[in-house]
Amino acid sequence: MATPKLLTTTIGSFPKPSYVPVRDWFDASRDATGMNDPTVTKNYEVSPEDEPLFVRAAKEVLAIQVNAGVDIPTDGEVRRENYIHYHCRHLAGFDFDSLENRILRDGAYETDLPAIRGEVSSAEPGYSVHDWKAAQDQCDRPVKATLPGPLTIMDTTADCHYNDRPALNRKLAETVNREVLALAEAGCRYIQVDEPLFARQVDDALSFGMEGLERCFHGAPASVTRIVHMCCGYPEHLDDEVYKKADPDSYFQLAKAVDAAAFDQVSIEDAHCKNDLTLLENYRSKTVILGAVAVARSRVEPVDEIAGRITEALAHIDRDRLVVAPDCGLGLLTPDLAERKLRAMCEAAARA
């Protein structure tokens, strides 16, 4: 009997085509202003006339992924100036005019952030359905929808209202849940909630963050694969090796709670940090999406190297519970680099 093929997916962002009328954090990094440029957050303006450009961009980005061999692509977040604040723009209670200065990611960088100045609620529930449908219509493979998790939203905005982290986490989780249920009703089969802050704030993740994640997926039907992404963070620019990433040992600290939580798949970084792969033995019920190519290094990993690491991983987890992906979104790369890395990744997954 033939060995089943390992599935491949992408995580979220992709380098935007030049004609897209949105400047994002990755653009700011590439032009040396840095990912902390507040104008990216403050000056987000699109009009209905821009819709054909977003659809064109999604089609282009999806085609690159599919042609590289990706089984479950994303729309590349082509509409978003960053994946967190885009969601917040569709909520009540957020102020994008008077920004607040904050130091983020354990002191990794400083920036100006939108503020929470009132009760948080969904101002445009179901907004994500339009975005997902516009992308899915351009692709014959299932397109994964991605949303930011509550703890990560909290760390990338300034709370000037609640002063109660568990309460704010619950409120934000409710807004994510409304999108999850709307996407599920529309027919989306793969929905991912991104919580990279779990790896940096383990205590919060265990005390109330996991509950928030489960609240995000509450009521999602069995037809939906519920995915949580937990990477260790982006650097300020490509090939920045001194950036303060989260400690990958956090994965071990979180593993038991992750495995018990009410979702189906967990996405973790491995290409950059090279985990102790006995970590995978802690996931007895979860499918693991393993980061197989680095997203902030310009080096294109050789196919044999990627395949060897996947083979090492398969010594610690059942084949039918392993999916192959990049460490995180590909937004820091050029389109050519992103495509070359994806092609190598997919060939390695087929070979492993």
Protein backbone atom coordinates (compact mmCIF):
# COMPACT_ATOMS: atom_id res chain seq x y z
CA MET A 1 0.00 0.00 0.00
CA ALA A 2 1.31 3.45 -0.90
CA THR A 3 2.51 5.68 1.92
CA PRO A 4 0.02 8.54 2.35
CA LYS A 5 1.26 11.94 1.23
CA LEU A 6 1.95 14.49 3.93
CA LEU A 7 -0.35 17.48 3.61
CA THR A 8 1.17 20.94 3.21
CA THR A 9 -0.21 24.34 4.15
CA THR A 10 0.83 27.95 4.61
CA ILE A 11 0.30 30.01 7.74
CA GLY A 12 -0.87 33.47 6.69
CA SER A 13 0.95 36.42 5.13
CA PHE A 14 2.57 36.53 1.70
CA PRO A 15 4.53 39.38 0.08
CA LYS A 16 1.89 41.69 -1.40
CA PRO A 17 1.87 42.45 -5.13
CA SER A 18 3.00 46.03 -5.77
CA TYR A 19 -0.42 47.12 -7.02
CA VAL A 20 -2.21 46.31 -3.75
CA PRO A 21 -3.41 49.63 -2.22
CA VAL A 22 -2.37 48.69 1.32
CA ARG A 23 1.02 49.19 2.93
CA ASP A 24 1.79 46.60 5.60
CA TRP A 25 4.30 46.00 8.38
CA PHE A 26 6.43 43.86 6.08
CA ASP A 27 6.68 46.68 3.52
CA ALA A 28 7.85 48.94 6.34
CA SER A 29 10.53 46.41 7.24
CA ARG A 30 11.74 46.08 3.67
CA ASP A 31 12.12 49.85 3.16
CA ALA A 32 14.15 50.14 6.40
CA THR A 33 11.61 52.23 8.32
CA GLY A 34 11.05 49.23 10.56
CA MET A 35 7.97 47.21 11.53
CA ASN A 36 7.19 49.76 14.25
CA ASP A 37 6.17 52.45 11.73
CA PRO A 38 2.94 53.93 13.20
CA THR A 39 1.77 55.30 9.85
CA VAL A 40 1.08 51.73 8.73
CA THR A 41 -1.42 51.38 11.56
CA LYS A 42 -2.92 54.84 11.38
CA ASN A 43 -3.35 55.50 7.67
CA TYR A 44 -5.26 52.44 6.48
CA GLU A 45 -7.70 53.59 3.79
CA VAL A 46 -9.40 51.50 1.10
CA SER A 47 -12.46 52.07 -1.05
CA PRO A 48 -14.92 49.82 -2.92
CA GLU A 49 -13.03 50.64 -6.10
CA ASP A 50 -10.05 48.73 -4.68
CA GLU A 51 -11.93 45.41 -4.53
CA PRO A 52 -10.78 44.15 -7.96
CA LEU A 53 -7.18 44.73 -6.91
CA PHE A 54 -7.61 42.65 -3.75
CA VAL A 55 -9.28 39.85 -5.71
CA ARG A 56 -6.51 39.95 -8.32
CA ALA A 57 -3.88 39.81 -5.57
CA ALA A 58 -5.55 36.88 -3.81
CA LYS A 59 -5.77 34.98 -7.10
CA GLU A 60 -2.09 35.64 -7.81
CA VAL A 61 -0.90 34.66 -4.35
CA LEU A 62 -3.06 31.53 -4.27
CA ALA A 63 -1.78 30.45 -7.69
CA ILE A 64 1.84 30.73 -6.52
CA GLN A 65 1.09 28.52 -3.52
CA VAL A 66 -0.90 25.94 -5.48
CA ASN A 67 1.70 25.76 -8.25
CA ALA A 68 4.36 25.17 -5.60
CA GLY A 69 2.34 22.20 -4.34
CA VAL A 70 0.57 23.62 -1.27
CA ASP A 71 -2.58 21.65 -0.41
CA ILE A 72 -4.26 24.19 1.90
CA PRO A 73 -3.25 27.76 0.97
CA THR A 74 -4.27 31.13 2.44
CA ASP A 75 -5.15 34.38 0.69
CA GLY A 76 -1.80 35.80 1.84
CA GLU A 77 -3.57 38.41 4.01
CA VAL A 78 -3.59 40.68 0.96
CA ARG A 79 -6.19 43.00 2.51
CA ARG A 80 -4.44 43.54 5.83
CA GLU A 81 -1.95 46.15 6.99
CA ASN A 82 -1.26 43.61 9.72
CA TYR A 83 -3.22 40.55 10.69
CA ILE A 84 -4.17 41.86 14.16
CA HIS A 85 -5.30 45.43 13.57
CA TYR A 86 -7.32 44.45 10.50
CA HIS A 87 -9.64 42.49 12.78
CA CYS A 88 -9.74 45.32 15.32
CA ARG A 89 -10.91 47.77 12.65
CA HIS A 90 -14.14 45.75 12.46
CA LEU A 91 -14.78 46.07 16.21
CA ALA A 92 -16.35 48.72 18.40
CA GLY A 93 -14.24 50.14 21.25
CA PHE A 94 -10.99 50.70 19.31
CA ASP A 95 -9.40 54.10 18.65
CA PHE A 96 -7.11 54.27 15.60
CA ASP A 97 -6.76 58.06 15.67
CA SER A 98 -5.02 58.72 19.00
CA LEU A 99 -2.38 56.02 19.25
CA GLU A 100 -0.62 54.92 22.44
CA ASN A 101 3.11 54.23 22.67
CA ARG A 102 4.01 50.79 23.98
CA ILE A 103 7.00 48.43 24.21
CA LEU A 104 6.11 44.98 22.86
CA ARG A 105 7.27 41.37 22.70
CA ASP A 106 9.30 41.37 25.92
CA GLY A 107 11.08 44.56 24.90
CA ALA A 108 11.79 43.43 21.34
CA TYR A 109 10.46 46.66 19.84
CA GLU A 110 8.59 49.89 20.59
CA THR A 111 5.70 51.31 18.58
CA ASP A 112 2.44 53.31 18.64
CA LEU A 113 -0.70 51.22 18.94
CA PRO A 114 -4.48 51.62 18.59
CA ALA A 115 -6.18 52.01 21.96
CA ILE A 116 -9.14 50.25 23.53
CA ARG A 117 -11.20 53.10 24.98
CA GLY A 118 -14.63 51.50 25.32
CA GLU A 119 -16.55 48.23 25.42
CA VAL A 120 -15.31 45.81 22.78
CA SER A 121 -17.89 44.19 20.50
CA SER A 122 -18.30 43.12 16.88
CA ALA A 123 -19.24 46.19 14.84
CA GLU A 124 -19.27 44.30 11.53
CA PRO A 125 -19.89 40.63 12.41
CA GLY A 126 -19.09 38.27 9.58
CA TYR A 127 -16.76 40.66 7.74
CA SER A 128 -14.29 37.80 7.21
CA VAL A 129 -16.79 35.84 5.10
CA HIS A 130 -16.54 38.33 2.25
CA ASP A 131 -12.75 38.15 2.30
CA TRP A 132 -12.68 34.35 2.41
CA LYS A 133 -15.27 33.90 -0.33
CA ALA A 134 -13.46 36.36 -2.60
CA ALA A 135 -10.32 34.23 -2.22
CA GLN A 136 -12.01 30.82 -2.34
CA ASP A 137 -13.69 31.76 -5.63
CA GLN A 138 -10.21 32.06 -7.14
CA CYS A 139 -8.97 28.61 -6.06
CA ASP A 140 -9.98 24.97 -6.52
CA ARG A 141 -8.31 23.95 -3.24
CA PRO A 142 -9.72 24.73 0.21
CA VAL A 143 -8.54 28.16 1.31
CA LYS A 144 -7.76 28.52 5.01
CA ALA A 145 -9.11 31.57 6.86
CA THR A 146 -6.94 33.12 9.59
CA LEU A 147 -7.86 35.30 12.56
CA PRO A 148 -5.81 36.81 15.41
CA GLY A 149 -6.19 35.28 18.86
CA PRO A 150 -7.35 37.27 21.90
CA LEU A 151 -4.06 37.24 23.81
CA THR A 152 -2.14 38.38 20.75
CA ILE A 153 -4.65 41.17 20.10
CA MET A 154 -4.22 42.30 23.71
CA ASP A 155 -0.45 42.53 23.34
CA THR A 156 -0.65 44.48 20.08
CA THR A 157 -3.14 47.12 21.26
CA ALA A 158 -3.23 49.46 24.27
CA ASP A 159 -5.91 48.70 26.86
CA CYS A 160 -7.13 52.02 28.25
CA HIS A 161 -10.50 50.75 29.40
CA TYR A 162 -10.71 47.27 30.97
CA ASN A 163 -7.58 46.91 33.12
CA ASP A 164 -8.68 43.30 33.53
CA ARG A 165 -6.80 40.92 31.26
CA PRO A 166 -9.03 37.83 31.63
CA ALA A 167 -12.17 39.93 31.06
CA LEU A 168 -10.71 41.58 27.95
CA ASN A 169 -9.54 38.20 26.69
CA ARG A 170 -13.10 36.87 26.93
CA LYS A 171 -14.53 39.89 25.11
CA LEU A 172 -12.03 39.59 22.28
CA ALA A 173 -12.60 35.84 22.05
CA GLU A 174 -16.30 36.49 21.53
CA THR A 175 -15.52 38.69 18.53
CA VAL A 176 -13.28 36.00 17.04
CA ASN A 177 -15.94 33.38 17.68
CA ARG A 178 -18.50 35.36 15.68
CA GLU A 179 -16.15 35.29 12.70
CA VAL A 180 -15.40 31.58 13.15
CA LEU A 181 -19.10 30.69 13.17
CA ALA A 182 -19.85 32.94 10.20
CA LEU A 183 -16.98 31.40 8.22
CA ALA A 184 -18.14 27.89 9.10
CA GLU A 185 -21.67 28.66 7.98
CA ALA A 186 -20.30 30.01 4.70
CA GLY A 187 -18.51 26.71 4.08
CA CYS A 188 -14.94 27.40 5.19
CA ARG A 189 -13.35 24.11 6.24
CA TYR A 190 -10.05 25.33 7.71
CA ILE A 191 -10.03 28.14 10.28
CA GLN A 192 -6.86 29.20 12.08
CA VAL A 193 -6.52 31.42 15.14
CA ASP A 194 -3.03 32.89 15.58
CA GLU A 195 -1.64 33.07 19.13
CA PRO A 196 2.12 33.68 18.89
CA LEU A 197 1.92 35.42 22.27
CA PHE A 198 1.36 32.06 23.96
CA ALA A 199 5.07 31.34 23.54
CA ARG A 200 5.99 34.65 25.21
CA GLN A 201 3.33 34.78 27.93
CA VAL A 202 3.07 31.20 29.12
CA ASP A 203 1.49 32.08 32.48
CA ASP A 204 -1.30 34.08 30.84
CA ALA A 205 -1.73 31.39 28.20
CA LEU A 206 -2.26 28.73 30.85
CA SER A 207 -4.32 30.81 33.30
CA PHE A 208 -6.87 32.27 30.86
CA GLY A 209 -5.49 32.19 27.31
CA MET A 210 -6.39 28.57 26.59
CA GLU A 211 -9.94 29.24 27.76
CA GLY A 212 -10.06 32.18 25.36
CA LEU A 213 -8.95 29.95 22.49
CA GLU A 214 -11.66 27.42 23.24
CA ARG A 215 -14.17 30.26 23.35
CA CYS A 216 -12.99 31.31 19.87
CA PHE A 217 -14.00 27.94 18.47
CA HIS A 218 -17.11 27.36 20.60
CA GLY A 219 -19.93 25.96 18.52
CA ALA A 220 -17.81 25.34 15.41
CA PRO A 221 -19.22 22.31 13.55
CA ALA A 222 -17.32 19.08 12.99
CA SER A 223 -16.87 20.04 9.32
CA VAL A 224 -14.32 22.69 10.41
CA THR A 225 -10.71 21.88 11.17
CA ARG A 226 -9.90 24.15 14.14
CA ILE A 227 -6.27 25.29 14.03
CA VAL A 228 -4.11 27.29 16.43
CA HIS A 229 -0.80 28.81 15.29
CA MET A 230 1.92 29.50 17.87
CA CYS A 231 5.22 30.79 16.45
CA CYS A 232 8.07 32.50 18.30
CA GLY A 233 7.91 35.91 16.57
CA TYR A 234 9.12 37.90 13.56
CA PRO A 235 12.39 39.87 13.51
CA GLU A 236 12.52 43.52 12.43
CA HIS A 237 14.01 42.59 9.06
CA LEU A 238 15.17 39.66 6.96
CA ASP A 239 18.26 37.81 8.23
CA ASP A 240 18.16 39.57 11.61
CA GLU A 241 19.69 36.86 13.81
CA VAL A 242 19.83 38.89 17.04
CA TYR A 243 16.08 39.53 17.29
CA LYS A 244 14.65 38.50 20.65
CA LYS A 245 12.35 35.61 19.81
CA ALA A 246 10.25 33.69 22.31
CA ASP A 247 11.92 30.79 24.11
CA PRO A 248 11.03 27.60 22.18
CA ASP A 249 11.01 25.78 25.53
CA SER A 250 7.61 27.44 25.95
CA TYR A 251 6.27 24.75 23.63
CA PHE A 252 7.12 22.12 26.24
CA GLN A 253 5.48 24.18 29.00
CA LEU A 254 2.29 24.55 26.95
CA ALA A 255 2.13 21.09 25.38
CA LYS A 256 -0.07 19.32 27.92
CA ALA A 257 -2.67 22.09 27.96
CA VAL A 258 -2.58 22.42 24.17
CA ASP A 259 -3.13 18.71 23.72
CA ALA A 260 -6.15 18.78 26.05
CA ALA A 261 -7.74 21.89 24.52
CA ALA A 262 -10.79 21.82 22.25
CA PHE A 263 -9.22 22.35 18.84
CA ASP A 264 -7.74 20.01 16.24
CA GLN A 265 -4.33 21.20 15.05
CA VAL A 266 -1.44 23.17 16.50
CA SER A 267 1.11 24.97 14.31
CA ILE A 268 4.61 25.39 15.76
CA GLU A 269 7.90 26.86 14.57
CA ASP A 270 10.79 24.44 14.01
CA ALA A 271 12.94 25.55 11.08
CA HIS A 272 14.34 28.57 12.93
CA CYS A 273 14.60 27.17 16.44
CA LYS A 274 15.16 23.41 15.84
CA ASN A 275 13.09 21.99 18.68
CA ASP A 276 13.95 18.92 20.68
CA LEU A 277 11.60 16.73 18.62
CA THR A 278 10.57 14.66 21.63
CA LEU A 279 8.21 17.62 22.01
CA LEU A 280 5.97 15.97 19.41
CA GLU A 281 5.40 12.99 21.70
CA ASN A 282 3.47 15.30 24.03
CA TYR A 283 0.78 15.76 21.37
CA ARG A 284 -1.25 12.58 21.60
CA SER A 285 -4.50 13.89 20.17
CA LYS A 286 -3.44 16.93 18.16
CA THR A 287 -2.26 17.10 14.58
CA VAL A 288 0.97 19.11 14.47
CA ILE A 289 1.69 21.60 11.69
CA LEU A 290 5.49 21.65 11.73
CA GLY A 291 7.43 24.70 10.54
CA ALA A 292 9.81 23.28 7.94
CA VAL A 293 11.24 26.43 6.31
CA ALA A 294 12.38 29.64 8.01
CA VAL A 295 10.38 32.75 7.16
CA ALA A 296 12.96 35.39 8.12
CA ARG A 297 16.07 33.94 6.47
CA SER A 298 16.91 34.50 2.82
CA ARG A 299 18.62 31.12 2.52
CA VAL A 300 16.48 28.63 0.62
CA GLU A 301 16.71 25.33 2.47
CA PRO A 302 17.76 22.34 0.31
CA VAL A 303 15.05 19.74 -0.28
CA ASP A 304 17.14 16.97 1.30
CA GLU A 305 17.65 19.04 4.43
CA ILE A 306 13.92 19.70 4.84
CA ALA A 307 13.01 16.10 4.07
CA GLY A 308 15.54 14.86 6.61
CA ARG A 309 14.04 17.01 9.35
CA ILE A 310 10.53 15.82 8.47
CA THR A 311 11.75 12.23 8.66
CA GLU A 312 13.23 12.94 12.09
CA ALA A 313 9.87 14.34 13.20
CA LEU A 314 8.05 11.21 11.99
CA ALA A 315 10.02 9.19 14.54
CA HIS A 316 8.01 11.03 17.23
CA ILE A 317 4.50 11.43 15.79
CA ASP A 318 2.13 9.40 13.64
CA ARG A 319 2.30 10.25 9.95
CA ASP A 320 -1.42 11.02 9.75
CA ARG A 321 -0.98 13.68 12.45
CA LEU A 322 1.79 15.68 10.77
CA VAL A 323 1.28 18.58 8.35
CA VAL A 324 4.17 20.53 6.80
CA ALA A 325 4.28 24.35 6.60
CA PRO A 326 6.60 27.33 6.87
CA ASP A 327 7.38 28.53 10.42
CA CYS A 328 4.97 31.45 10.03
CA GLY A 329 3.73 33.86 7.35
CA LEU A 330 5.99 34.65 4.41
CA GLY A 331 5.48 38.42 4.35
CA LEU A 332 9.12 39.33 5.03
CA LEU A 333 10.33 37.55 1.89
CA THR A 334 10.28 38.60 -1.73
CA PRO A 335 7.73 36.76 -3.90
CA ASP A 336 10.55 34.83 -5.61
CA LEU A 337 12.08 33.73 -2.30
CA ALA A 338 8.67 32.74 -0.92
CA GLU A 339 7.90 30.64 -3.97
CA ARG A 340 11.30 28.92 -3.96
CA LYS A 341 10.97 28.04 -0.28
CA LEU A 342 7.46 26.68 -0.81
CA ARG A 343 8.56 24.55 -3.75
CA ALA A 344 11.41 23.07 -1.73
CA MET A 345 9.08 22.48 1.23
CA CYS A 346 6.42 20.71 -0.86
CA GLU A 347 8.97 18.55 -2.68
CA ALA A 348 10.49 17.56 0.66
CA ALA A 349 7.07 16.70 2.11
CA ALA A 350 6.36 14.48 -0.91
CA ARG A 351 9.75 12.80 -0.54
CA ALA A 352 9.78 12.27 3.26
